[in-house]
Amino acid sequence: WVSNLPVAHRAWAKGLGACYWGDWSAPLGTGGIRHYQWGIGLRPNGTELLPFRYSPYTREGSARDLLLPPDHAALEFYCTVRATTAAGIGVTASSPPFRVCTAVTNA
């Protein structure tokens, strides 16, 4: 397996989250990447806050309905991505930990 970019997060705010990942190359003879799945958790490879969502060929996923725990400001979150080949072989990777900022700036 080869991933050109690590799993990462982007534009986090209460109720909105996005994860993205680079191109992954599957081992020869496995039929290439069939689909990706992504989720959000409180530990590497965790998906307890947002169970895996299907992402057929894109390398980004977003959730506008993400419900955060009441103590979310004190927690670290992880984006987790699973790539699966046409042969059914999969691999999972997670982002580094990050925090969610819900502060609102008034203009």
Protein backbone atom coordinates (compact mmCIF):
# COMPACT_ATOMS: atom_id res chain seq x y z
CA TRP A 1 0.00 0.00 0.00
CA VAL A 2 1.20 3.49 -0.81
CA SER A 3 -0.49 6.71 0.31
CA ASN A 4 0.79 9.95 -1.24
CA LEU A 5 -0.71 12.10 1.51
CA PRO A 6 -1.57 11.27 5.10
CA VAL A 7 -5.13 11.36 6.36
CA ALA A 8 -5.92 14.87 7.57
CA HIS A 9 -8.76 17.06 8.77
CA ARG A 10 -10.01 20.42 7.54
CA ALA A 11 -12.46 23.17 8.50
CA TRP A 12 -13.63 21.85 11.81
CA ALA A 13 -16.40 23.60 13.71
CA LYS A 14 -19.29 22.38 15.81
CA GLY A 15 -21.60 20.35 13.58
CA LEU A 16 -19.28 20.40 10.56
CA GLY A 17 -16.25 18.28 9.84
CA ALA A 18 -14.24 17.17 6.86
CA CYS A 19 -11.54 14.59 6.30
CA TYR A 20 -9.38 14.18 3.23
CA TRP A 21 -6.68 11.82 2.07
CA GLY A 22 -4.29 11.38 -0.82
CA ASP A 23 -4.24 8.81 -3.60
CA TRP A 24 -3.58 5.32 -2.35
CA SER A 25 -2.03 2.66 -4.57
CA ALA A 26 -3.11 -0.92 -3.96
CA PRO A 27 -0.81 -3.94 -4.27
CA LEU A 28 -0.53 -5.43 -7.77
CA GLY A 29 -3.05 -8.13 -8.57
CA THR A 30 -5.74 -6.80 -6.20
CA GLY A 31 -7.79 -4.94 -8.83
CA GLY A 32 -7.04 -1.42 -7.59
CA ILE A 33 -8.96 0.66 -5.07
CA ARG A 34 -12.69 -0.02 -5.29
CA HIS A 35 -13.83 2.45 -2.63
CA TYR A 36 -12.95 4.40 0.48
CA GLN A 37 -14.79 4.69 3.77
CA TRP A 38 -14.17 7.38 6.36
CA GLY A 39 -15.26 8.12 9.90
CA ILE A 40 -14.46 10.17 12.99
CA GLY A 41 -13.47 8.93 16.41
CA LEU A 42 -11.79 9.71 19.69
CA ARG A 43 -8.80 7.43 19.07
CA PRO A 44 -6.77 6.28 16.06
CA ASN A 45 -8.91 3.97 13.87
CA GLY A 46 -11.99 4.98 15.90
CA THR A 47 -15.36 5.73 14.35
CA GLU A 48 -17.56 6.02 17.44
CA LEU A 49 -18.62 9.64 16.70
CA LEU A 50 -19.23 9.14 12.99
CA PRO A 51 -19.42 5.52 11.78
CA PHE A 52 -17.77 4.75 8.47
CA ARG A 53 -19.36 6.51 5.51
CA TYR A 54 -18.96 5.26 1.96
CA SER A 55 -16.90 7.35 -0.45
CA PRO A 56 -16.68 5.53 -3.79
CA TYR A 57 -13.84 7.32 -5.61
CA THR A 58 -13.42 10.71 -3.98
CA ARG A 59 -10.69 11.43 -1.47
CA GLU A 60 -12.70 13.69 0.79
CA GLY A 61 -15.69 13.36 3.04
CA SER A 62 -17.67 15.88 5.04
CA ALA A 63 -20.36 15.73 7.69
CA ARG A 64 -22.66 18.64 8.42
CA ASP A 65 -24.65 16.76 11.05
CA LEU A 66 -21.81 15.75 13.36
CA LEU A 67 -22.93 15.67 17.00
CA LEU A 68 -20.09 16.37 19.39
CA PRO A 69 -19.99 15.32 23.04
CA PRO A 70 -20.64 18.13 25.56
CA ASP A 71 -16.98 18.09 26.66
CA HIS A 72 -15.64 18.27 23.07
CA ALA A 73 -13.29 21.20 23.78
CA ALA A 74 -11.18 18.94 26.01
CA LEU A 75 -11.08 16.02 23.56
CA GLU A 76 -8.87 15.04 20.67
CA PHE A 77 -10.45 13.68 17.49
CA TYR A 78 -9.19 11.52 14.61
CA CYS A 79 -10.27 11.09 10.99
CA THR A 80 -10.02 7.44 9.97
CA VAL A 81 -10.00 6.21 6.37
CA ARG A 82 -10.28 2.66 5.08
CA ALA A 83 -9.43 1.80 1.46
CA THR A 84 -10.71 -1.47 -0.02
CA THR A 85 -9.57 -3.12 -3.25
CA ALA A 86 -11.66 -4.96 -5.81
CA ALA A 87 -10.31 -8.17 -4.23
CA GLY A 88 -11.73 -7.14 -0.84
CA ILE A 89 -8.37 -6.37 0.76
CA GLY A 90 -8.43 -3.32 3.00
CA VAL A 91 -6.13 -1.03 4.92
CA THR A 92 -6.97 1.63 7.53
CA ALA A 93 -5.13 4.84 8.46
CA SER A 94 -5.87 7.74 10.82
CA SER A 95 -5.01 11.42 10.99
CA PRO A 96 -2.93 12.94 13.75
CA PRO A 97 -5.07 14.11 16.70
CA PHE A 98 -6.86 17.46 16.43
CA ARG A 99 -9.28 19.57 18.45
CA VAL A 100 -12.54 21.23 17.43
CA CYS A 101 -12.91 24.98 17.87
CA THR A 102 -16.43 26.29 18.38
CA ALA A 103 -15.57 29.90 19.19
CA VAL A 104 -17.58 32.46 17.21
CA THR A 105 -16.02 35.74 16.16
CA ASN A 106 -18.39 38.69 15.76
CA ALA A 107 -17.54 41.15 13.01
